[in-house]
N, C-alpha and C. Protein backbone atom coordinates (compact mmCIF):
# COMPACT_ATOMS: atom_id res chain seq x y z
N MET A 1 155.43 191.81 -117.40
CA MET A 1 155.74 193.22 -117.33
C MET A 1 154.43 194.02 -117.27
N GLN A 2 154.40 194.98 -116.38
CA GLN A 2 153.22 195.80 -116.19
C GLN A 2 153.14 196.90 -117.25
N ALA A 3 151.94 197.13 -117.78
CA ALA A 3 151.75 198.17 -118.79
C ALA A 3 151.91 199.55 -118.14
N ILE A 4 152.42 200.48 -118.91
CA ILE A 4 152.60 201.85 -118.43
C ILE A 4 151.33 202.63 -118.72
N ASP A 5 150.86 203.33 -117.73
CA ASP A 5 149.67 204.18 -117.87
C ASP A 5 149.88 205.13 -119.06
N ARG A 6 148.88 205.26 -119.91
CA ARG A 6 149.00 206.09 -121.12
C ARG A 6 149.27 207.55 -120.81
N ARG A 7 148.94 208.01 -119.60
CA ARG A 7 149.23 209.40 -119.23
C ARG A 7 150.73 209.68 -119.21
N TYR A 8 151.54 208.64 -119.11
CA TYR A 8 152.99 208.81 -118.97
C TYR A 8 153.74 208.45 -120.25
N ILE A 9 153.00 208.42 -121.35
CA ILE A 9 153.61 208.12 -122.65
C ILE A 9 153.37 209.30 -123.58
N ARG A 10 154.41 209.68 -124.29
CA ARG A 10 154.34 210.76 -125.27
C ARG A 10 154.91 210.23 -126.58
N ALA A 11 154.67 210.96 -127.65
CA ALA A 11 155.26 210.61 -128.94
C ALA A 11 156.04 211.81 -129.45
N ILE A 12 157.28 211.55 -129.83
CA ILE A 12 158.11 212.58 -130.45
C ILE A 12 158.55 212.02 -131.80
N HIS A 13 158.15 212.70 -132.87
CA HIS A 13 158.46 212.26 -134.23
C HIS A 13 158.01 210.81 -134.44
N GLY A 14 156.86 210.47 -133.87
CA GLY A 14 156.29 209.14 -134.04
C GLY A 14 156.89 208.06 -133.15
N ILE A 15 157.85 208.43 -132.31
CA ILE A 15 158.47 207.44 -131.41
C ILE A 15 157.86 207.60 -130.03
N ARG A 16 157.36 206.50 -129.50
CA ARG A 16 156.74 206.54 -128.16
C ARG A 16 157.82 206.57 -127.08
N ILE A 17 157.67 207.50 -126.16
CA ILE A 17 158.61 207.63 -125.04
C ILE A 17 157.81 207.84 -123.76
N THR A 18 158.45 207.64 -122.63
CA THR A 18 157.79 207.94 -121.36
C THR A 18 158.09 209.39 -120.98
N THR A 19 157.26 209.93 -120.12
CA THR A 19 157.46 211.30 -119.64
C THR A 19 158.76 211.36 -118.84
N PRO A 20 159.34 212.54 -118.68
CA PRO A 20 160.56 212.65 -117.88
C PRO A 20 160.40 212.10 -116.46
N ALA A 21 159.27 212.35 -115.83
CA ALA A 21 159.08 211.86 -114.45
C ALA A 21 159.08 210.33 -114.42
N ARG A 22 158.40 209.71 -115.36
CA ARG A 22 158.36 208.25 -115.40
C ARG A 22 159.75 207.70 -115.73
N THR A 23 160.46 208.35 -116.62
CA THR A 23 161.81 207.92 -116.97
C THR A 23 162.72 207.97 -115.74
N LEU A 24 162.60 209.03 -114.95
CA LEU A 24 163.42 209.14 -113.73
C LEU A 24 163.08 208.04 -112.73
N LEU A 25 161.80 207.71 -112.61
CA LEU A 25 161.43 206.60 -111.73
C LEU A 25 162.05 205.30 -112.22
N ASP A 26 162.02 205.07 -113.51
CA ASP A 26 162.64 203.85 -114.06
C ASP A 26 164.15 203.86 -113.85
N LEU A 27 164.78 205.01 -114.02
CA LEU A 27 166.23 205.12 -113.79
C LEU A 27 166.60 204.90 -112.32
N ALA A 28 165.69 205.27 -111.43
CA ALA A 28 165.96 205.13 -109.99
C ALA A 28 166.25 203.69 -109.61
N ARG A 29 165.77 202.78 -110.39
CA ARG A 29 165.99 201.35 -110.13
C ARG A 29 167.41 200.92 -110.44
N VAL A 30 168.09 201.62 -111.35
CA VAL A 30 169.38 201.14 -111.82
C VAL A 30 170.56 202.09 -111.60
N LEU A 31 170.29 203.37 -111.39
CA LEU A 31 171.39 204.33 -111.23
C LEU A 31 171.87 204.40 -109.78
N PRO A 32 173.18 204.62 -109.57
CA PRO A 32 173.65 204.90 -108.21
C PRO A 32 173.09 206.26 -107.76
N PRO A 33 172.95 206.47 -106.46
CA PRO A 33 172.31 207.70 -105.95
C PRO A 33 172.90 208.99 -106.50
N ARG A 34 174.22 209.10 -106.63
CA ARG A 34 174.79 210.37 -107.09
C ARG A 34 174.42 210.67 -108.53
N LEU A 35 174.32 209.64 -109.38
CA LEU A 35 173.92 209.86 -110.77
C LEU A 35 172.43 210.13 -110.88
N LEU A 36 171.64 209.47 -110.05
CA LEU A 36 170.20 209.73 -110.04
C LEU A 36 169.93 211.16 -109.57
N GLU A 37 170.64 211.60 -108.53
CA GLU A 37 170.46 212.97 -108.06
C GLU A 37 170.80 213.97 -109.17
N ARG A 38 171.86 213.71 -109.88
CA ARG A 38 172.26 214.60 -110.97
C ARG A 38 171.20 214.61 -112.08
N ALA A 39 170.66 213.44 -112.41
CA ALA A 39 169.64 213.36 -113.46
C ALA A 39 168.38 214.13 -113.06
N ILE A 40 167.96 213.98 -111.82
CA ILE A 40 166.78 214.70 -111.34
C ILE A 40 167.03 216.20 -111.36
N ALA A 41 168.17 216.61 -110.82
CA ALA A 41 168.49 218.05 -110.76
C ALA A 41 168.57 218.64 -112.17
N GLU A 42 169.19 217.92 -113.08
CA GLU A 42 169.30 218.43 -114.45
C GLU A 42 167.92 218.53 -115.10
N ALA A 43 167.07 217.55 -114.88
CA ALA A 43 165.71 217.60 -115.44
C ALA A 43 164.94 218.79 -114.85
N GLN A 44 165.16 219.09 -113.57
CA GLN A 44 164.50 220.24 -112.97
C GLN A 44 165.05 221.55 -113.53
N VAL A 45 166.37 221.63 -113.67
CA VAL A 45 166.99 222.84 -114.22
C VAL A 45 166.49 223.09 -115.64
N ARG A 46 166.33 222.04 -116.41
CA ARG A 46 165.85 222.18 -117.80
C ARG A 46 164.34 222.31 -117.88
N ARG A 47 163.70 222.31 -116.72
CA ARG A 47 162.23 222.46 -116.62
C ARG A 47 161.48 221.35 -117.35
N LEU A 48 162.05 220.16 -117.28
CA LEU A 48 161.39 218.99 -117.86
C LEU A 48 160.48 218.31 -116.85
N VAL A 49 160.76 218.53 -115.57
CA VAL A 49 160.02 217.86 -114.52
C VAL A 49 159.94 218.76 -113.29
N LYS A 50 158.83 218.66 -112.59
CA LYS A 50 158.65 219.36 -111.32
C LYS A 50 158.58 218.33 -110.21
N ARG A 51 158.82 218.78 -109.01
CA ARG A 51 158.74 217.88 -107.85
C ARG A 51 157.39 217.16 -107.82
N GLY A 52 156.32 217.89 -108.11
CA GLY A 52 154.98 217.30 -108.10
C GLY A 52 154.83 216.14 -109.08
N ASP A 53 155.51 216.25 -110.22
CA ASP A 53 155.47 215.15 -111.21
C ASP A 53 156.11 213.89 -110.63
N LEU A 54 157.21 214.08 -109.91
CA LEU A 54 157.90 212.94 -109.31
C LEU A 54 157.08 212.36 -108.15
N GLU A 55 156.47 213.24 -107.36
CA GLU A 55 155.61 212.79 -106.26
C GLU A 55 154.44 211.98 -106.81
N ASP A 56 153.89 212.43 -107.92
CA ASP A 56 152.79 211.72 -108.57
C ASP A 56 153.23 210.31 -108.96
N GLN A 57 154.42 210.18 -109.54
CA GLN A 57 154.92 208.86 -109.91
C GLN A 57 155.08 207.97 -108.69
N LEU A 58 155.60 208.54 -107.61
CA LEU A 58 155.77 207.75 -106.38
C LEU A 58 154.42 207.30 -105.82
N GLY A 59 153.44 208.19 -105.86
CA GLY A 59 152.11 207.85 -105.35
C GLY A 59 151.42 206.78 -106.18
N ARG A 60 151.62 206.81 -107.48
CA ARG A 60 150.96 205.85 -108.36
C ARG A 60 151.70 204.52 -108.48
N ASN A 61 152.96 204.50 -108.05
CA ASN A 61 153.78 203.28 -108.18
C ASN A 61 154.49 202.96 -106.87
N PRO A 62 153.77 202.80 -105.78
CA PRO A 62 154.42 202.68 -104.47
C PRO A 62 155.31 201.45 -104.30
N ARG A 63 155.07 200.41 -105.06
CA ARG A 63 155.86 199.18 -104.90
C ARG A 63 156.88 198.98 -106.03
N ARG A 64 156.94 199.91 -106.94
CA ARG A 64 157.84 199.77 -108.08
C ARG A 64 159.29 199.88 -107.61
N PRO A 65 160.17 199.03 -108.15
CA PRO A 65 161.59 199.16 -107.81
C PRO A 65 162.09 200.57 -108.16
N GLY A 66 162.85 201.15 -107.26
CA GLY A 66 163.39 202.49 -107.48
C GLY A 66 162.65 203.56 -106.69
N THR A 67 161.44 203.23 -106.19
CA THR A 67 160.68 204.27 -105.47
C THR A 67 161.41 204.72 -104.21
N ARG A 68 162.04 203.80 -103.50
CA ARG A 68 162.77 204.19 -102.27
C ARG A 68 163.93 205.11 -102.59
N ALA A 69 164.68 204.79 -103.62
CA ALA A 69 165.82 205.62 -104.00
C ALA A 69 165.36 207.02 -104.42
N LEU A 70 164.30 207.09 -105.19
CA LEU A 70 163.77 208.38 -105.61
C LEU A 70 163.25 209.17 -104.42
N ARG A 71 162.53 208.52 -103.52
CA ARG A 71 162.00 209.19 -102.32
C ARG A 71 163.13 209.75 -101.47
N ARG A 72 164.20 208.97 -101.27
CA ARG A 72 165.34 209.44 -100.45
C ARG A 72 165.92 210.74 -101.01
N LEU A 73 166.04 210.82 -102.31
CA LEU A 73 166.60 212.03 -102.92
C LEU A 73 165.64 213.21 -102.83
N LEU A 74 164.36 212.96 -103.01
CA LEU A 74 163.39 214.05 -102.89
C LEU A 74 163.31 214.57 -101.47
N ASP A 75 163.58 213.69 -100.50
CA ASP A 75 163.50 214.09 -99.10
C ASP A 75 164.77 214.74 -98.57
N LEU A 76 165.82 214.81 -99.38
CA LEU A 76 167.05 215.48 -98.94
C LEU A 76 166.76 216.94 -98.64
N ASP A 77 167.40 217.47 -97.62
CA ASP A 77 167.28 218.89 -97.32
C ASP A 77 167.75 219.67 -98.54
N GLY A 78 166.91 220.50 -99.09
CA GLY A 78 167.24 221.26 -100.29
C GLY A 78 166.93 220.51 -101.57
N GLY A 79 166.53 219.24 -101.46
CA GLY A 79 166.20 218.46 -102.65
C GLY A 79 167.43 218.09 -103.45
N PRO A 80 167.23 217.43 -104.59
CA PRO A 80 168.35 217.06 -105.45
C PRO A 80 169.08 218.31 -105.95
N ALA A 81 170.40 218.23 -106.01
CA ALA A 81 171.20 219.38 -106.43
C ALA A 81 172.11 218.99 -107.58
N PHE A 82 172.28 219.92 -108.50
CA PHE A 82 173.12 219.69 -109.67
C PHE A 82 174.55 220.09 -109.33
N THR A 83 175.42 219.10 -109.15
CA THR A 83 176.83 219.36 -108.87
C THR A 83 177.65 218.96 -110.09
N ARG A 84 178.81 219.60 -110.23
CA ARG A 84 179.65 219.35 -111.40
C ARG A 84 180.94 218.61 -111.10
N SER A 85 181.22 218.39 -109.82
CA SER A 85 182.49 217.76 -109.49
C SER A 85 182.36 216.97 -108.20
N GLU A 86 183.33 216.12 -107.97
CA GLU A 86 183.37 215.36 -106.72
C GLU A 86 183.52 216.33 -105.55
N ALA A 87 184.29 217.39 -105.72
CA ALA A 87 184.46 218.37 -104.64
C ALA A 87 183.12 219.01 -104.28
N GLU A 88 182.33 219.37 -105.27
CA GLU A 88 181.02 219.96 -104.99
C GLU A 88 180.11 218.96 -104.30
N ARG A 89 180.14 217.69 -104.73
CA ARG A 89 179.31 216.67 -104.09
C ARG A 89 179.71 216.49 -102.62
N ARG A 90 181.02 216.45 -102.36
CA ARG A 90 181.50 216.32 -100.98
C ARG A 90 181.09 217.52 -100.14
N MET A 91 181.22 218.71 -100.72
CA MET A 91 180.86 219.92 -99.99
C MET A 91 179.38 219.91 -99.64
N LEU A 92 178.54 219.55 -100.57
CA LEU A 92 177.10 219.51 -100.32
C LEU A 92 176.77 218.47 -99.25
N ARG A 93 177.41 217.30 -99.31
CA ARG A 93 177.20 216.29 -98.26
C ARG A 93 177.63 216.84 -96.90
N LEU A 94 178.73 217.59 -96.88
CA LEU A 94 179.21 218.19 -95.64
C LEU A 94 178.18 219.17 -95.08
N PHE A 95 177.62 220.03 -95.93
CA PHE A 95 176.60 220.97 -95.47
C PHE A 95 175.41 220.24 -94.89
N ARG A 96 174.99 219.17 -95.56
CA ARG A 96 173.84 218.40 -95.07
C ARG A 96 174.17 217.72 -93.75
N ALA A 97 175.35 217.11 -93.66
CA ALA A 97 175.75 216.41 -92.43
C ALA A 97 175.88 217.39 -91.25
N ALA A 98 176.35 218.60 -91.53
CA ALA A 98 176.51 219.61 -90.47
C ALA A 98 175.20 220.33 -90.18
N GLU A 99 174.15 219.95 -90.90
CA GLU A 99 172.82 220.55 -90.73
C GLU A 99 172.83 222.06 -90.93
N LEU A 100 173.64 222.49 -91.91
CA LEU A 100 173.66 223.90 -92.30
C LEU A 100 172.52 224.15 -93.29
N PRO A 101 172.07 225.38 -93.40
CA PRO A 101 171.07 225.67 -94.43
C PRO A 101 171.65 225.28 -95.80
N ILE A 102 170.83 224.68 -96.62
CA ILE A 102 171.31 224.21 -97.91
C ILE A 102 171.29 225.36 -98.91
N PRO A 103 172.45 225.60 -99.54
CA PRO A 103 172.55 226.71 -100.49
C PRO A 103 172.03 226.33 -101.87
N ARG A 104 171.93 227.32 -102.72
CA ARG A 104 171.72 227.05 -104.15
C ARG A 104 173.06 226.61 -104.70
N VAL A 105 173.04 225.64 -105.59
CA VAL A 105 174.27 225.06 -106.13
C VAL A 105 174.42 225.48 -107.59
N ASN A 106 175.65 225.88 -107.94
CA ASN A 106 175.95 226.32 -109.31
C ASN A 106 174.90 227.33 -109.78
N SER A 107 174.81 228.38 -109.01
CA SER A 107 173.78 229.39 -109.22
C SER A 107 174.36 230.66 -109.84
N ARG A 108 173.56 231.34 -110.62
CA ARG A 108 173.97 232.61 -111.22
C ARG A 108 173.92 233.71 -110.17
N LEU A 109 174.95 234.53 -110.17
CA LEU A 109 175.03 235.70 -109.30
C LEU A 109 175.61 236.81 -110.17
N GLY A 110 174.75 237.68 -110.67
CA GLY A 110 175.21 238.68 -111.62
C GLY A 110 175.72 237.99 -112.87
N ARG A 111 176.92 238.34 -113.27
CA ARG A 111 177.48 237.73 -114.49
C ARG A 111 178.29 236.47 -114.20
N TYR A 112 178.26 236.04 -112.95
CA TYR A 112 179.05 234.87 -112.55
C TYR A 112 178.16 233.69 -112.18
N GLU A 113 178.75 232.51 -112.27
CA GLU A 113 178.13 231.32 -111.70
C GLU A 113 179.00 230.93 -110.52
N VAL A 114 178.38 230.77 -109.36
CA VAL A 114 179.12 230.43 -108.15
C VAL A 114 178.77 229.02 -107.73
N ASP A 115 179.71 228.38 -107.01
CA ASP A 115 179.49 226.99 -106.60
C ASP A 115 178.33 226.86 -105.62
N PHE A 116 178.37 227.66 -104.54
CA PHE A 116 177.34 227.60 -103.50
C PHE A 116 176.93 229.01 -103.12
N LEU A 117 175.63 229.25 -103.05
CA LEU A 117 175.13 230.59 -102.78
C LEU A 117 174.02 230.58 -101.74
N TRP A 118 174.23 231.36 -100.70
CA TRP A 118 173.18 231.68 -99.74
C TRP A 118 172.83 233.15 -100.02
N ARG A 119 171.86 233.38 -100.86
CA ARG A 119 171.56 234.73 -101.34
C ARG A 119 171.14 235.65 -100.19
N GLU A 120 170.27 235.17 -99.33
CA GLU A 120 169.78 236.01 -98.23
C GLU A 120 170.91 236.45 -97.30
N GLN A 121 171.85 235.55 -97.04
CA GLN A 121 172.97 235.88 -96.17
C GLN A 121 174.13 236.52 -96.94
N ARG A 122 173.99 236.61 -98.26
CA ARG A 122 175.01 237.21 -99.12
C ARG A 122 176.37 236.51 -98.94
N LEU A 123 176.30 235.18 -98.98
CA LEU A 123 177.49 234.36 -98.80
C LEU A 123 177.69 233.44 -100.01
N VAL A 124 178.93 233.37 -100.46
CA VAL A 124 179.33 232.49 -101.57
C VAL A 124 180.45 231.60 -101.07
N VAL A 125 180.37 230.30 -101.39
CA VAL A 125 181.47 229.38 -101.12
C VAL A 125 181.90 228.79 -102.45
N GLU A 126 183.20 228.89 -102.70
CA GLU A 126 183.80 228.34 -103.92
C GLU A 126 184.75 227.22 -103.52
N VAL A 127 184.68 226.10 -104.23
CA VAL A 127 185.58 224.98 -103.99
C VAL A 127 186.64 225.02 -105.07
N ASP A 128 187.90 225.14 -104.65
CA ASP A 128 189.01 225.25 -105.59
C ASP A 128 189.90 224.02 -105.51
N SER A 129 190.25 223.51 -106.66
CA SER A 129 191.28 222.47 -106.70
C SER A 129 192.50 223.08 -107.37
N PHE A 130 193.65 222.66 -106.95
CA PHE A 130 194.90 223.18 -107.52
C PHE A 130 194.94 222.94 -109.02
N ARG A 131 194.41 221.80 -109.42
CA ARG A 131 194.44 221.40 -110.82
C ARG A 131 193.72 222.41 -111.72
N PHE A 132 192.55 222.94 -111.27
CA PHE A 132 191.77 223.83 -112.13
C PHE A 132 191.95 225.31 -111.82
N HIS A 133 192.57 225.63 -110.70
CA HIS A 133 192.69 227.04 -110.31
C HIS A 133 194.13 227.50 -110.18
N SER A 134 195.08 226.70 -110.64
CA SER A 134 196.48 227.07 -110.46
C SER A 134 197.07 227.92 -111.58
N PRO A 135 196.63 227.81 -112.82
CA PRO A 135 197.28 228.70 -113.80
C PRO A 135 197.10 230.16 -113.37
N ARG A 136 198.13 230.93 -113.55
CA ARG A 136 198.13 232.32 -113.06
C ARG A 136 196.92 233.11 -113.55
N ALA A 137 196.56 232.97 -114.81
CA ALA A 137 195.43 233.72 -115.36
C ALA A 137 194.13 233.36 -114.63
N ARG A 138 193.93 232.08 -114.36
CA ARG A 138 192.73 231.64 -113.64
C ARG A 138 192.75 232.18 -112.21
N PHE A 139 193.88 232.09 -111.57
CA PHE A 139 194.05 232.60 -110.21
C PHE A 139 193.68 234.09 -110.16
N GLU A 140 194.19 234.87 -111.12
CA GLU A 140 193.92 236.31 -111.17
C GLU A 140 192.44 236.59 -111.44
N ARG A 141 191.83 235.83 -112.35
CA ARG A 141 190.39 236.01 -112.63
C ARG A 141 189.56 235.73 -111.39
N ASP A 142 189.92 234.67 -110.66
CA ASP A 142 189.19 234.34 -109.43
C ASP A 142 189.26 235.49 -108.43
N ARG A 143 190.43 236.10 -108.28
CA ARG A 143 190.59 237.20 -107.31
C ARG A 143 189.82 238.44 -107.75
N ALA A 144 189.80 238.71 -109.04
CA ALA A 144 189.04 239.86 -109.55
C ALA A 144 187.54 239.63 -109.33
N ARG A 145 187.11 238.42 -109.55
CA ARG A 145 185.71 238.07 -109.33
C ARG A 145 185.34 238.21 -107.86
N ASP A 146 186.21 237.71 -106.97
CA ASP A 146 185.96 237.85 -105.53
C ASP A 146 185.83 239.31 -105.13
N ALA A 147 186.69 240.15 -105.68
CA ALA A 147 186.66 241.58 -105.36
C ALA A 147 185.36 242.21 -105.85
N GLU A 148 184.91 241.82 -107.03
CA GLU A 148 183.66 242.36 -107.56
C GLU A 148 182.46 241.92 -106.71
N LEU A 149 182.45 240.66 -106.31
CA LEU A 149 181.37 240.17 -105.46
C LEU A 149 181.40 240.84 -104.08
N ALA A 150 182.60 241.03 -103.55
CA ALA A 150 182.73 241.73 -102.25
C ALA A 150 182.21 243.16 -102.36
N ALA A 151 182.51 243.81 -103.46
CA ALA A 151 182.03 245.18 -103.66
C ALA A 151 180.50 245.22 -103.73
N ALA A 152 179.90 244.12 -104.16
CA ALA A 152 178.44 244.01 -104.22
C ALA A 152 177.84 243.56 -102.89
N GLY A 153 178.70 243.39 -101.87
CA GLY A 153 178.20 243.03 -100.55
C GLY A 153 178.21 241.56 -100.20
N TYR A 154 178.88 240.74 -101.01
CA TYR A 154 178.93 239.31 -100.74
C TYR A 154 180.25 238.94 -100.08
N THR A 155 180.19 238.00 -99.16
CA THR A 155 181.39 237.40 -98.60
C THR A 155 181.69 236.15 -99.41
N VAL A 156 182.93 235.99 -99.82
CA VAL A 156 183.34 234.82 -100.60
C VAL A 156 184.32 234.01 -99.75
N ILE A 157 183.98 232.75 -99.55
CA ILE A 157 184.87 231.82 -98.85
C ILE A 157 185.38 230.82 -99.88
N ARG A 158 186.68 230.68 -99.94
CA ARG A 158 187.29 229.70 -100.85
C ARG A 158 187.77 228.52 -100.02
N VAL A 159 187.44 227.33 -100.50
CA VAL A 159 187.81 226.09 -99.82
C VAL A 159 188.60 225.25 -100.81
N THR A 160 189.75 224.75 -100.38
CA THR A 160 190.55 223.89 -101.26
C THR A 160 190.12 222.43 -101.09
N TRP A 161 190.48 221.64 -102.08
CA TRP A 161 190.21 220.20 -102.01
C TRP A 161 190.85 219.61 -100.76
N ARG A 162 192.09 219.99 -100.50
CA ARG A 162 192.79 219.46 -99.34
C ARG A 162 192.06 219.80 -98.03
N GLN A 163 191.59 221.04 -97.90
CA GLN A 163 190.84 221.43 -96.70
C GLN A 163 189.57 220.60 -96.58
N LEU A 164 188.89 220.40 -97.68
CA LEU A 164 187.65 219.64 -97.68
C LEU A 164 187.87 218.19 -97.27
N VAL A 165 188.96 217.61 -97.72
CA VAL A 165 189.24 216.20 -97.43
C VAL A 165 189.88 216.01 -96.06
N GLU A 166 190.83 216.88 -95.72
CA GLU A 166 191.60 216.68 -94.48
C GLU A 166 190.99 217.34 -93.25
N ALA A 167 190.20 218.38 -93.43
CA ALA A 167 189.63 219.09 -92.27
C ALA A 167 188.19 219.52 -92.55
N PRO A 168 187.31 218.57 -92.87
CA PRO A 168 185.94 218.96 -93.21
C PRO A 168 185.20 219.67 -92.06
N GLU A 169 185.50 219.28 -90.83
CA GLU A 169 184.84 219.92 -89.68
C GLU A 169 185.21 221.40 -89.61
N ALA A 170 186.47 221.71 -89.90
CA ALA A 170 186.91 223.11 -89.89
C ALA A 170 186.22 223.89 -91.01
N VAL A 171 186.05 223.27 -92.16
CA VAL A 171 185.35 223.92 -93.27
C VAL A 171 183.91 224.20 -92.87
N ALA A 172 183.25 223.20 -92.31
CA ALA A 172 181.86 223.39 -91.87
C ALA A 172 181.75 224.49 -90.83
N ALA A 173 182.70 224.54 -89.91
CA ALA A 173 182.69 225.57 -88.86
C ALA A 173 182.86 226.97 -89.47
N ARG A 174 183.76 227.10 -90.46
CA ARG A 174 183.95 228.41 -91.12
C ARG A 174 182.67 228.88 -91.80
N VAL A 175 182.02 227.97 -92.50
CA VAL A 175 180.80 228.33 -93.20
C VAL A 175 179.69 228.64 -92.20
N ALA A 176 179.57 227.83 -91.16
CA ALA A 176 178.55 228.08 -90.13
C ALA A 176 178.75 229.44 -89.48
N ALA A 177 180.00 229.78 -89.18
CA ALA A 177 180.29 231.08 -88.55
C ALA A 177 179.92 232.22 -89.50
N ALA A 178 180.23 232.07 -90.76
CA ALA A 178 179.91 233.12 -91.73
C ALA A 178 178.39 233.26 -91.89
N LEU A 179 177.68 232.14 -91.90
CA LEU A 179 176.22 232.20 -92.00
C LEU A 179 175.62 232.87 -90.76
N ALA A 180 176.18 232.57 -89.58
CA ALA A 180 175.67 233.16 -88.33
C ALA A 180 175.85 234.67 -88.32
N VAL A 181 176.99 235.13 -88.79
CA VAL A 181 177.29 236.56 -88.82
C VAL A 181 176.38 237.27 -89.81
N ARG A 182 176.08 236.61 -90.93
CA ARG A 182 175.33 237.25 -92.02
C ARG A 182 173.82 237.11 -91.85
N SER A 183 173.37 236.37 -90.84
CA SER A 183 171.91 236.16 -90.66
C SER A 183 171.26 237.32 -89.94
C-alpha cells in the first residue's frame, strides 16, 4: 500500500483523516458514478472542496484507481450536480444529451428552491411526480409559487415523470424553445 502524502492528512480530535479531495478520489474507486457525482456536488455545496483541489489530486495520482471516474465527472458540462431524485438525475442527463446549456440545480431563487434554473434566461424547470405533487395543498402551493415567480419575470415549465420517461425529446424541445426565446 502506498503512503498518503502528509499534505492530504488532517487531524480532528486526534483522529487522522484524509482531506475531502483525497477522500473523494478514494471513493471514486468504489462508488457508482451517480453516487460519486452526488458526493462531489455535496462537498462543493458545503464548501469542503473546490474543483482545484480535485484537479490537484488527479495530477498527483494519475495512475490511482478512480482517477478516470473522477475525471469523467469533472469534465461533465456544468460539472457535478447535486440532484435529489431519479427524476432530477434523468432531467439533467437529458439536458446534457440534448446539448442544452446546463442550469443550476436545486438553486435558491428568492424564497424558493427550484429544481433547475437558468438565471440569465429567467427560466425555471420543475420536475413533478404525481406521488409528491398530488395532494391538493401541495398542488395549490406549487401554483401560487409559479404565479409569484412569473410576476418576478420568470417562466416556469413543469415536467411530469411520465413526460420525462415517455417523451424526453419533447421535453428537451420545450426547454430548448423556451431558452431560445429568453436568450
